[in-house]
């Protein structure tokens, strides 16, 4: 092999080893956060599902209105705030 090719092979091996060490360090560092991040992942999945099926939100709102009419305004306000916040976050 040429000298240049040998250097490239050695450099690649170094980079692969370095990446492996960084992945191990990152996994160790993030271990305390694993449960919290799992909860966040589930929340994001639920939001994605609701976003793909907006009729569920309408049904849930109607059910909520039928069960607790006094609290509907408060829930709708919270929902509106969350929706607006989500739109703003997506823009940036």
PDB file of N, CA and C in Angstrom:
ATOM      1  N   UNK A   1       0.827  -1.182   0.000  1.00  0.00           N
ATOM      2  CA  UNK A   1       0.000   0.000   0.000  1.00  0.00           C
ATOM      3  C   UNK A   1       0.873   1.247   0.000  1.00  0.00           C
ATOM      4  N   UNK A   2       0.298   2.287  -0.532  1.00  0.00           N
ATOM      5  CA  UNK A   2       1.029   3.544  -0.546  1.00  0.00           C
ATOM      6  C   UNK A   2       1.018   4.162   0.843  1.00  0.00           C
ATOM      7  N   UNK A   3       1.925   5.062   1.040  1.00  0.00           N
ATOM      8  CA  UNK A   3       2.041   5.736   2.330  1.00  0.00           C
ATOM      9  C   UNK A   3       0.774   6.529   2.644  1.00  0.00           C
ATOM     10  N   UNK A   4       0.242   7.198   1.645  1.00  0.00           N
ATOM     11  CA  UNK A   4      -0.973   8.002   1.835  1.00  0.00           C
ATOM     12  C   UNK A   4      -2.155   7.118   2.225  1.00  0.00           C
ATOM     13  N   UNK A   5      -2.310   5.969   1.567  1.00  0.00           N
ATOM     14  CA  UNK A   5      -3.403   5.058   1.868  1.00  0.00           C
ATOM     15  C   UNK A   5      -3.246   4.472   3.265  1.00  0.00           C
ATOM     16  N   UNK A   6      -2.038   4.166   3.649  1.00  0.00           N
ATOM     17  CA  UNK A   6      -1.783   3.644   4.995  1.00  0.00           C
ATOM     18  C   UNK A   6      -2.162   4.681   6.050  1.00  0.00           C
ATOM     19  N   UNK A   7      -1.807   5.937   5.795  1.00  0.00           N
ATOM     20  CA  UNK A   7      -2.162   7.004   6.731  1.00  0.00           C
ATOM     21  C   UNK A   7      -3.673   7.158   6.852  1.00  0.00           C
ATOM     22  N   UNK A   8      -4.362   7.052   5.706  1.00  0.00           N
ATOM     23  CA  UNK A   8      -5.816   7.165   5.727  1.00  0.00           C
ATOM     24  C   UNK A   8      -6.455   6.025   6.521  1.00  0.00           C
ATOM     25  N   UNK A   9      -5.938   4.810   6.353  1.00  0.00           N
ATOM     26  CA  UNK A   9      -6.466   3.662   7.079  1.00  0.00           C
ATOM     27  C   UNK A   9      -6.242   3.839   8.574  1.00  0.00           C
ATOM     28  N   UNK A  10      -5.060   4.287   8.956  1.00  0.00           N
ATOM     29  CA  UNK A  10      -4.762   4.504  10.368  1.00  0.00           C
ATOM     30  C   UNK A  10      -5.643   5.618  10.955  1.00  0.00           C
ATOM     31  N   UNK A  11      -5.815   6.682  10.187  1.00  0.00           N
ATOM     32  CA  UNK A  11      -6.647   7.795  10.660  1.00  0.00           C
ATOM     33  C   UNK A  11      -8.097   7.339  10.841  1.00  0.00           C
ATOM     34  N   UNK A  12      -8.571   6.532   9.909  1.00  0.00           N
ATOM     35  CA  UNK A  12      -9.939   6.009  10.008  1.00  0.00           C
ATOM     36  C   UNK A  12     -10.083   5.158  11.265  1.00  0.00           C
ATOM     37  N   UNK A  13      -9.113   4.310  11.542  1.00  0.00           N
ATOM     38  CA  UNK A  13      -9.162   3.470  12.738  1.00  0.00           C
ATOM     39  C   UNK A  13      -9.182   4.323  14.004  1.00  0.00           C
ATOM     40  N   UNK A  14      -8.395   5.393  14.015  1.00  0.00           N
ATOM     41  CA  UNK A  14      -8.377   6.291  15.164  1.00  0.00           C
ATOM     42  C   UNK A  14      -9.742   6.957  15.359  1.00  0.00           C
ATOM     43  N   UNK A  15     -10.309   7.414  14.253  1.00  0.00           N
ATOM     44  CA  UNK A  15     -11.604   8.085  14.340  1.00  0.00           C
ATOM     45  C   UNK A  15     -12.716   7.135  14.783  1.00  0.00           C
ATOM     46  N   UNK A  16     -12.680   5.896  14.302  1.00  0.00           N
ATOM     47  CA  UNK A  16     -13.681   4.910  14.714  1.00  0.00           C
ATOM     48  C   UNK A  16     -13.552   4.624  16.212  1.00  0.00           C
ATOM     49  N   UNK A  17     -12.316   4.472  16.686  1.00  0.00           N
ATOM     50  CA  UNK A  17     -12.094   4.232  18.117  1.00  0.00           C
ATOM     51  C   UNK A  17     -12.541   5.433  18.949  1.00  0.00           C
ATOM     52  N   UNK A  18     -12.247   6.632  18.467  1.00  0.00           N
ATOM     53  CA  UNK A  18     -12.648   7.846  19.176  1.00  0.00           C
ATOM     54  C   UNK A  18     -14.174   7.959  19.226  1.00  0.00           C
ATOM     55  N   UNK A  19     -14.850   7.672  18.136  1.00  0.00           N
ATOM     56  CA  UNK A  19     -16.308   7.735  18.112  1.00  0.00           C
ATOM     57  C   UNK A  19     -16.912   6.713  19.071  1.00  0.00           C
ATOM     58  N   UNK A  20     -16.325   5.538  19.124  1.00  0.00           N
ATOM     59  CA  UNK A  20     -16.808   4.504  20.036  1.00  0.00           C
ATOM     60  C   UNK A  20     -16.666   4.958  21.494  1.00  0.00           C
ATOM     61  N   UNK A  21     -15.532   5.548  21.814  1.00  0.00           N
ATOM     62  CA  UNK A  21     -15.306   6.045  23.173  1.00  0.00           C
ATOM     63  C   UNK A  21     -16.294   7.166  23.504  1.00  0.00           C
ATOM     64  N   UNK A  22     -16.577   8.031  22.549  1.00  0.00           N
ATOM     65  CA  UNK A  22     -17.518   9.123  22.786  1.00  0.00           C
ATOM     66  C   UNK A  22     -18.938   8.591  22.992  1.00  0.00           C
ATOM     67  N   UNK A  23     -19.332   7.577  22.224  1.00  0.00           N
ATOM     68  CA  UNK A  23     -20.657   6.977  22.410  1.00  0.00           C
ATOM     69  C   UNK A  23     -20.785   6.355  23.793  1.00  0.00           C
ATOM     70  N   UNK A  24     -19.732   5.684  24.239  1.00  0.00           N
ATOM     71  CA  UNK A  24     -19.749   5.073  25.562  1.00  0.00           C
ATOM     72  C   UNK A  24     -19.869   6.136  26.648  1.00  0.00           C
ATOM     73  N   UNK A  25     -19.096   7.207  26.522  1.00  0.00           N
ATOM     74  CA  UNK A  25     -19.151   8.299  27.491  1.00  0.00           C
ATOM     75  C   UNK A  25     -20.529   8.954  27.496  1.00  0.00           C
ATOM     76  N   UNK A  26     -21.084   9.177  26.322  1.00  0.00           N
ATOM     77  CA  UNK A  26     -22.403   9.790  26.225  1.00  0.00           C
ATOM     78  C   UNK A  26     -23.472   8.898  26.854  1.00  0.00           C
ATOM     79  N   UNK A  27     -23.412   7.607  26.596  1.00  0.00           N
ATOM     80  CA  UNK A  27     -24.380   6.679  27.183  1.00  0.00           C
ATOM     81  C   UNK A  27     -24.278   6.694  28.710  1.00  0.00           C
ATOM     82  N   UNK A  28     -23.085   6.718  29.236  1.00  0.00           N
ATOM     83  CA  UNK A  28     -22.874   6.760  30.685  1.00  0.00           C
ATOM     84  C   UNK A  28     -23.404   8.077  31.272  1.00  0.00           C
ATOM     85  N   UNK A  29     -23.151   9.172  30.572  1.00  0.00           N
ATOM     86  CA  UNK A  29     -23.570  10.490  31.043  1.00  0.00           C
ATOM     87  C   UNK A  29     -25.091  10.626  31.030  1.00  0.00           C
ATOM     88  N   UNK A  30     -25.745  10.057  30.028  1.00  0.00           N
ATOM     89  CA  UNK A  30     -27.191  10.206  29.882  1.00  0.00           C
ATOM     90  C   UNK A  30     -27.994   9.169  30.662  1.00  0.00           C
ATOM     91  N   UNK A  31     -27.348   8.213  31.278  1.00  0.00           N
ATOM     92  CA  UNK A  31     -28.056   7.151  32.000  1.00  0.00           C
ATOM     93  C   UNK A  31     -29.037   7.686  33.038  1.00  0.00           C
ATOM     94  N   UNK A  32     -28.673   8.690  33.850  1.00  0.00           N
ATOM     95  CA  UNK A  32     -29.641   9.208  34.827  1.00  0.00           C
ATOM     96  C   UNK A  32     -30.877   9.853  34.176  1.00  0.00           C
ATOM     97  N   UNK A  33     -30.754  10.265  32.943  1.00  0.00           N
ATOM     98  CA  UNK A  33     -31.849  10.932  32.231  1.00  0.00           C
ATOM     99  C   UNK A  33     -32.716   9.955  31.437  1.00  0.00           C
ATOM    100  N   UNK A  34     -32.335   8.701  31.380  1.00  0.00           N
ATOM    101  CA  UNK A  34     -33.015   7.732  30.512  1.00  0.00           C
ATOM    102  C   UNK A  34     -34.522   7.659  30.787  1.00  0.00           C
ATOM    103  N   UNK A  35     -34.928   7.575  32.045  1.00  0.00           N
ATOM    104  CA  UNK A  35     -36.352   7.463  32.372  1.00  0.00           C
ATOM    105  C   UNK A  35     -37.107   8.735  31.971  1.00  0.00           C
ATOM    106  N   UNK A  36     -36.524   9.890  32.255  1.00  0.00           N
ATOM    107  CA  UNK A  36     -37.178  11.149  31.901  1.00  0.00           C
ATOM    108  C   UNK A  36     -37.294  11.297  30.387  1.00  0.00           C
ATOM    109  N   UNK A  37     -36.228  10.958  29.683  1.00  0.00           N
ATOM    110  CA  UNK A  37     -36.256  11.059  28.225  1.00  0.00           C
ATOM    111  C   UNK A  37     -37.250  10.073  27.618  1.00  0.00           C
ATOM    112  N   UNK A  38     -37.393   8.927  28.237  1.00  0.00           N
ATOM    113  CA  UNK A  38     -38.376   7.956  27.770  1.00  0.00           C
ATOM    114  C   UNK A  38     -39.780   8.521  27.901  1.00  0.00           C
ATOM    115  N   UNK A  39     -40.051   9.189  29.006  1.00  0.00           N
ATOM    116  CA  UNK A  39     -41.345   9.819  29.215  1.00  0.00           C
ATOM    117  C   UNK A  39     -41.593  10.919  28.177  1.00  0.00           C
ATOM    118  N   UNK A  40     -40.571  11.701  27.895  1.00  0.00           N
ATOM    119  CA  UNK A  40     -40.683  12.751  26.885  1.00  0.00           C
ATOM    120  C   UNK A  40     -40.945  12.134  25.513  1.00  0.00           C
ATOM    121  N   UNK A  41     -40.246  11.048  25.187  1.00  0.00           N
ATOM    122  CA  UNK A  41     -40.465  10.361  23.910  1.00  0.00           C
ATOM    123  C   UNK A  41     -41.908   9.889  23.774  1.00  0.00           C
ATOM    124  N   UNK A  42     -42.444   9.331  24.851  1.00  0.00           N
ATOM    125  CA  UNK A  42     -43.846   8.893  24.811  1.00  0.00           C
ATOM    126  C   UNK A  42     -44.794  10.077  24.622  1.00  0.00           C
ATOM    127  N   UNK A  43     -44.507  11.167  25.300  1.00  0.00           N
ATOM    128  CA  UNK A  43     -45.330  12.370  25.141  1.00  0.00           C
ATOM    129  C   UNK A  43     -45.296  12.906  23.714  1.00  0.00           C
ATOM    130  N   UNK A  44     -44.115  12.924  23.117  1.00  0.00           N
ATOM    131  CA  UNK A  44     -43.986  13.373  21.729  1.00  0.00           C
ATOM    132  C   UNK A  44     -44.743  12.436  20.791  1.00  0.00           C
ATOM    133  N   UNK A  45     -44.679  11.139  21.059  1.00  0.00           N
ATOM    134  CA  UNK A  45     -45.412  10.178  20.230  1.00  0.00           C
ATOM    135  C   UNK A  45     -46.914  10.394  20.337  1.00  0.00           C
ATOM    136  N   UNK A  46     -47.405  10.659  21.540  1.00  0.00           N
ATOM    137  CA  UNK A  46     -48.832  10.918  21.727  1.00  0.00           C
ATOM    138  C   UNK A  46     -49.233  12.188  20.991  1.00  0.00           C
ATOM    139  N   UNK A  47     -48.429  13.232  21.108  1.00  0.00           N
ATOM    140  CA  UNK A  47     -48.740  14.477  20.398  1.00  0.00           C
ATOM    141  C   UNK A  47     -48.750  14.270  18.893  1.00  0.00           C
ATOM    142  N   UNK A  48     -47.814  13.483  18.391  1.00  0.00           N
ATOM    143  CA  UNK A  48     -47.796  13.176  16.961  1.00  0.00           C
ATOM    144  C   UNK A  48     -49.039  12.422  16.533  1.00  0.00           C
ATOM    145  N   UNK A  49     -49.466  11.479  17.357  1.00  0.00           N
ATOM    146  CA  UNK A  49     -50.680  10.709  17.044  1.00  0.00           C
ATOM    147  C   UNK A  49     -51.902  11.627  17.019  1.00  0.00           C
ATOM    148  N   UNK A  50     -52.005  12.484  18.012  1.00  0.00           N
ATOM    149  CA  UNK A  50     -53.141  13.407  18.081  1.00  0.00           C
ATOM    150  C   UNK A  50     -53.099  14.372  16.897  1.00  0.00           C
ATOM    151  N   UNK A  51     -51.919  14.770  16.525  1.00  0.00           N
ATOM    152  CA  UNK A  51     -51.791  15.682  15.385  1.00  0.00           C
ATOM    153  C   UNK A  51     -52.240  15.013  14.086  1.00  0.00           C
ATOM    154  N   UNK A  52     -51.969  13.736  13.946  1.00  0.00           N
ATOM    155  CA  UNK A  52     -52.398  13.001  12.748  1.00  0.00           C
ATOM    156  C   UNK A  52     -53.879  12.660  12.783  1.00  0.00           C
ATOM    157  N   UNK A  53     -54.483  12.685  13.970  1.00  0.00           N
ATOM    158  CA  UNK A  53     -55.896  12.353  14.130  1.00  0.00           C
ATOM    159  C   UNK A  53     -56.605  13.464  14.913  1.00  0.00           C
ATOM    160  N   UNK A  54     -56.796  14.628  14.295  1.00  0.00           N
ATOM    161  CA  UNK A  54     -57.365  15.766  15.032  1.00  0.00           C
ATOM    162  C   UNK A  54     -58.811  15.534  15.480  1.00  0.00           C
ATOM    163  N   UNK A  55     -59.505  14.618  14.847  1.00  0.00           N
ATOM    164  CA  UNK A  55     -60.883  14.349  15.253  1.00  0.00           C
ATOM    165  C   UNK A  55     -60.946  13.847  16.696  1.00  0.00           C
ATOM    166  N   UNK A  56     -59.864  13.225  17.159  1.00  0.00           N
ATOM    167  CA  UNK A  56     -59.814  12.774  18.550  1.00  0.00           C
ATOM    168  C   UNK A  56     -59.871  13.950  19.517  1.00  0.00           C
ATOM    169  N   UNK A  57     -59.220  15.037  19.163  1.00  0.00           N
ATOM    170  CA  UNK A  57     -59.256  16.223  20.022  1.00  0.00           C
ATOM    171  C   UNK A  57     -60.671  16.799  20.076  1.00  0.00           C
ATOM    172  N   UNK A  58     -61.338  16.796  18.940  1.00  0.00           N
ATOM    173  CA  UNK A  58     -62.714  17.293  18.912  1.00  0.00           C
ATOM    174  C   UNK A  58     -63.592  16.406  19.790  1.00  0.00           C
ATOM    175  N   UNK A  59     -63.452  15.094  19.642  1.00  0.00           N
ATOM    176  CA  UNK A  59     -64.238  14.167  20.452  1.00  0.00           C
ATOM    177  C   UNK A  59     -63.949  14.303  21.931  1.00  0.00           C
ATOM    178  N   UNK A  60     -62.678  14.441  22.276  1.00  0.00           N
ATOM    179  CA  UNK A  60     -62.306  14.600  23.681  1.00  0.00           C
ATOM    180  C   UNK A  60     -62.856  15.910  24.241  1.00  0.00           C
ATOM    181  N   UNK A  61     -62.820  16.958  23.433  1.00  0.00           N
ATOM    182  CA  UNK A  61     -63.358  18.247  23.881  1.00  0.00           C
ATOM    183  C   UNK A  61     -64.862  18.166  24.103  1.00  0.00           C
ATOM    184  N   UNK A  62     -65.553  17.492  23.194  1.00  0.00           N
ATOM    185  CA  UNK A  62     -67.002  17.349  23.362  1.00  0.00           C
ATOM    186  C   UNK A  62     -67.340  16.507  24.590  1.00  0.00           C
ATOM    187  N   UNK A  63     -66.577  15.448  24.798  1.00  0.00           N
ATOM    188  CA  UNK A  63     -66.797  14.619  25.979  1.00  0.00           C
ATOM    189  C   UNK A  63     -66.546  15.415  27.248  1.00  0.00           C
ATOM    190  N   UNK A  64     -65.488  16.173  27.246  1.00  0.00           N
ATOM    191  CA  UNK A  64     -65.164  17.010  28.398  1.00  0.00           C
ATOM    192  C   UNK A  64     -66.266  18.035  28.640  1.00  0.00           C
ATOM    193  N   UNK A  65     -66.772  18.604  27.569  1.00  0.00           N
ATOM    194  CA  UNK A  65     -67.847  19.594  27.702  1.00  0.00           C
ATOM    195  C   UNK A  65     -69.105  18.954  28.281  1.00  0.00           C
ATOM    196  N   UNK A  66     -69.365  17.728  27.886  1.00  0.00           N
ATOM    197  CA  UNK A  66     -70.557  17.051  28.382  1.00  0.00           C
ATOM    198  C   UNK A  66     -70.413  16.666  29.857  1.00  0.00           C
ATOM    199  N   UNK A  67     -69.205  16.345  30.266  1.00  0.00           N
ATOM    200  CA  UNK A  67     -68.997  15.878  31.637  1.00  0.00           C
ATOM    201  C   UNK A  67     -68.787  17.011  32.636  1.00  0.00           C
ATOM    202  N   UNK A  68     -68.069  18.026  32.259  1.00  0.00           N
ATOM    203  CA  UNK A  68     -67.748  19.111  33.187  1.00  0.00           C
ATOM    204  C   UNK A  68     -67.823  20.462  32.472  1.00  0.00           C
ATOM    205  N   UNK A  69     -69.013  20.986  32.318  1.00  0.00           N
ATOM    206  CA  UNK A  69     -69.165  22.228  31.555  1.00  0.00           C
ATOM    207  C   UNK A  69     -68.423  23.429  32.150  1.00  0.00           C
ATOM    208  N   UNK A  70     -68.289  23.493  33.464  1.00  0.00           N
ATOM    209  CA  UNK A  70     -67.640  24.659  34.064  1.00  0.00           C
ATOM    210  C   UNK A  70     -66.151  24.706  33.779  1.00  0.00           C
ATOM    211  N   UNK A  71     -65.542  23.555  33.634  1.00  0.00           N
ATOM    212  CA  UNK A  71     -64.090  23.504  33.446  1.00  0.00           C
ATOM    213  C   UNK A  71     -63.669  23.547  31.979  1.00  0.00           C
ATOM    214  N   UNK A  72     -64.619  23.507  31.088  1.00  0.00           N
ATOM    215  CA  UNK A  72     -64.297  23.482  29.660  1.00  0.00           C
ATOM    216  C   UNK A  72     -63.508  24.716  29.251  1.00  0.00           C
ATOM    217  N   UNK A  73     -63.918  25.862  29.711  1.00  0.00           N
ATOM    218  CA  UNK A  73     -63.212  27.098  29.353  1.00  0.00           C
ATOM    219  C   UNK A  73     -61.762  27.065  29.765  1.00  0.00           C
ATOM    220  N   UNK A  74     -61.519  26.565  30.957  1.00  0.00           N
ATOM    221  CA  UNK A  74     -60.143  26.478  31.451  1.00  0.00           C
ATOM    222  C   UNK A  74     -59.320  25.517  30.598  1.00  0.00           C
ATOM    223  N   UNK A  75     -59.888  24.345  30.272  1.00  0.00           N
ATOM    224  CA  UNK A  75     -59.181  23.358  29.450  1.00  0.00           C
ATOM    225  C   UNK A  75     -58.926  23.885  28.037  1.00  0.00           C
ATOM    226  N   UNK A  76     -59.921  24.560  27.485  1.00  0.00           N
ATOM    227  CA  UNK A  76     -59.744  25.126  26.152  1.00  0.00           C
ATOM    228  C   UNK A  76     -58.671  26.202  26.148  1.00  0.00           C
ATOM    229  N   UNK A  77     -58.628  26.980  27.206  1.00  0.00           N
ATOM    230  CA  UNK A  77     -57.595  28.010  27.310  1.00  0.00           C
ATOM    231  C   UNK A  77     -56.209  27.369  27.365  1.00  0.00           C
ATOM    232  N   UNK A  78     -56.067  26.333  28.183  1.00  0.00           N
ATOM    233  CA  UNK A  78     -54.786  25.632  28.261  1.00  0.00           C
ATOM    234  C   UNK A  78     -54.421  25.008  26.919  1.00  0.00           C
ATOM    235  N   UNK A  79     -55.404  24.429  26.265  1.00  0.00           N
ATOM    236  CA  UNK A  79     -55.158  23.822  24.960  1.00  0.00           C
ATOM    237  C   UNK A  79     -54.733  24.846  23.925  1.00  0.00           C
ATOM    238  N   UNK A  80     -55.374  26.002  23.932  1.00  0.00           N
ATOM    239  CA  UNK A  80     -55.020  27.064  23.002  1.00  0.00           C
ATOM    240  C   UNK A  80     -53.601  27.555  23.256  1.00  0.00           C
ATOM    241  N   UNK A  81     -53.257  27.736  24.503  1.00  0.00           N
ATOM    242  CA  UNK A  81     -51.907  28.190  24.849  1.00  0.00           C
ATOM    243  C   UNK A  81     -50.878  27.152  24.394  1.00  0.00           C
ATOM    244  N   UNK A  82     -51.149  25.882  24.646  1.00  0.00           N
ATOM    245  CA  UNK A  82     -50.223  24.825  24.234  1.00  0.00           C
ATOM    246  C   UNK A  82     -50.099  24.778  22.714  1.00  0.00           C
ATOM    247  N   UNK A  83     -51.203  24.933  22.014  1.00  0.00           N
ATOM    248  CA  UNK A  83     -51.181  24.908  20.556  1.00  0.00           C
ATOM    249  C   UNK A  83     -50.364  26.080  20.012  1.00  0.00           C
ATOM    250  N   UNK A  84     -50.578  27.278  20.565  1.00  0.00           N
ATOM    251  CA  UNK A  84     -49.827  28.446  20.117  1.00  0.00           C
ATOM    252  C   UNK A  84     -48.339  28.302  20.416  1.00  0.00           C
ATOM    253  N   UNK A  85     -48.023  27.759  21.573  1.00  0.00           N
ATOM    254  CA  UNK A  85     -46.626  27.541  21.929  1.00  0.00           C
ATOM    255  C   UNK A  85     -45.980  26.555  20.965  1.00  0.00           C
ATOM    256  N   UNK A  86     -46.704  25.484  20.649  1.00  0.00           N
ATOM    257  CA  UNK A  86     -46.180  24.502  19.695  1.00  0.00           C
ATOM    258  C   UNK A  86     -45.923  25.112  18.335  1.00  0.00           C
ATOM    259  N   UNK A  87     -46.818  25.966  17.877  1.00  0.00           N
ATOM    260  CA  UNK A  87     -46.627  26.626  16.577  1.00  0.00           C
ATOM    261  C   UNK A  87     -45.419  27.522  16.598  1.00  0.00           C
ATOM    262  N   UNK A  88     -45.238  28.263  17.685  1.00  0.00           N
ATOM    263  CA  UNK A  88     -44.083  29.163  17.782  1.00  0.00           C
ATOM    264  C   UNK A  88     -42.771  28.384  17.823  1.00  0.00           C
ATOM    265  N   UNK A  89     -42.769  27.278  18.538  1.00  0.00           N
ATOM    266  CA  UNK A  89     -41.551  26.466  18.621  1.00  0.00           C
ATOM    267  C   UNK A  89     -41.197  25.854  17.276  1.00  0.00           C
ATOM    268  N   UNK A  90     -42.203  25.454  16.517  1.00  0.00           N
ATOM    269  CA  UNK A  90     -41.940  24.861  15.202  1.00  0.00           C
ATOM    270  C   UNK A  90     -41.373  25.884  14.230  1.00  0.00           C
ATOM    271  N   UNK A  91     -41.789  27.149  14.351  1.00  0.00           N
ATOM    272  CA  UNK A  91     -41.301  28.201  13.451  1.00  0.00           C
ATOM    273  C   UNK A  91     -39.818  28.475  13.655  1.00  0.00           C
ATOM    274  N   UNK A  92     -39.346  28.327  14.874  1.00  0.00           N
ATOM    275  CA  UNK A  92     -37.949  28.667  15.185  1.00  0.00           C
ATOM    276  C   UNK A  92     -37.161  27.445  15.261  1.00  0.00           C
TER     277      UNK A  92
END
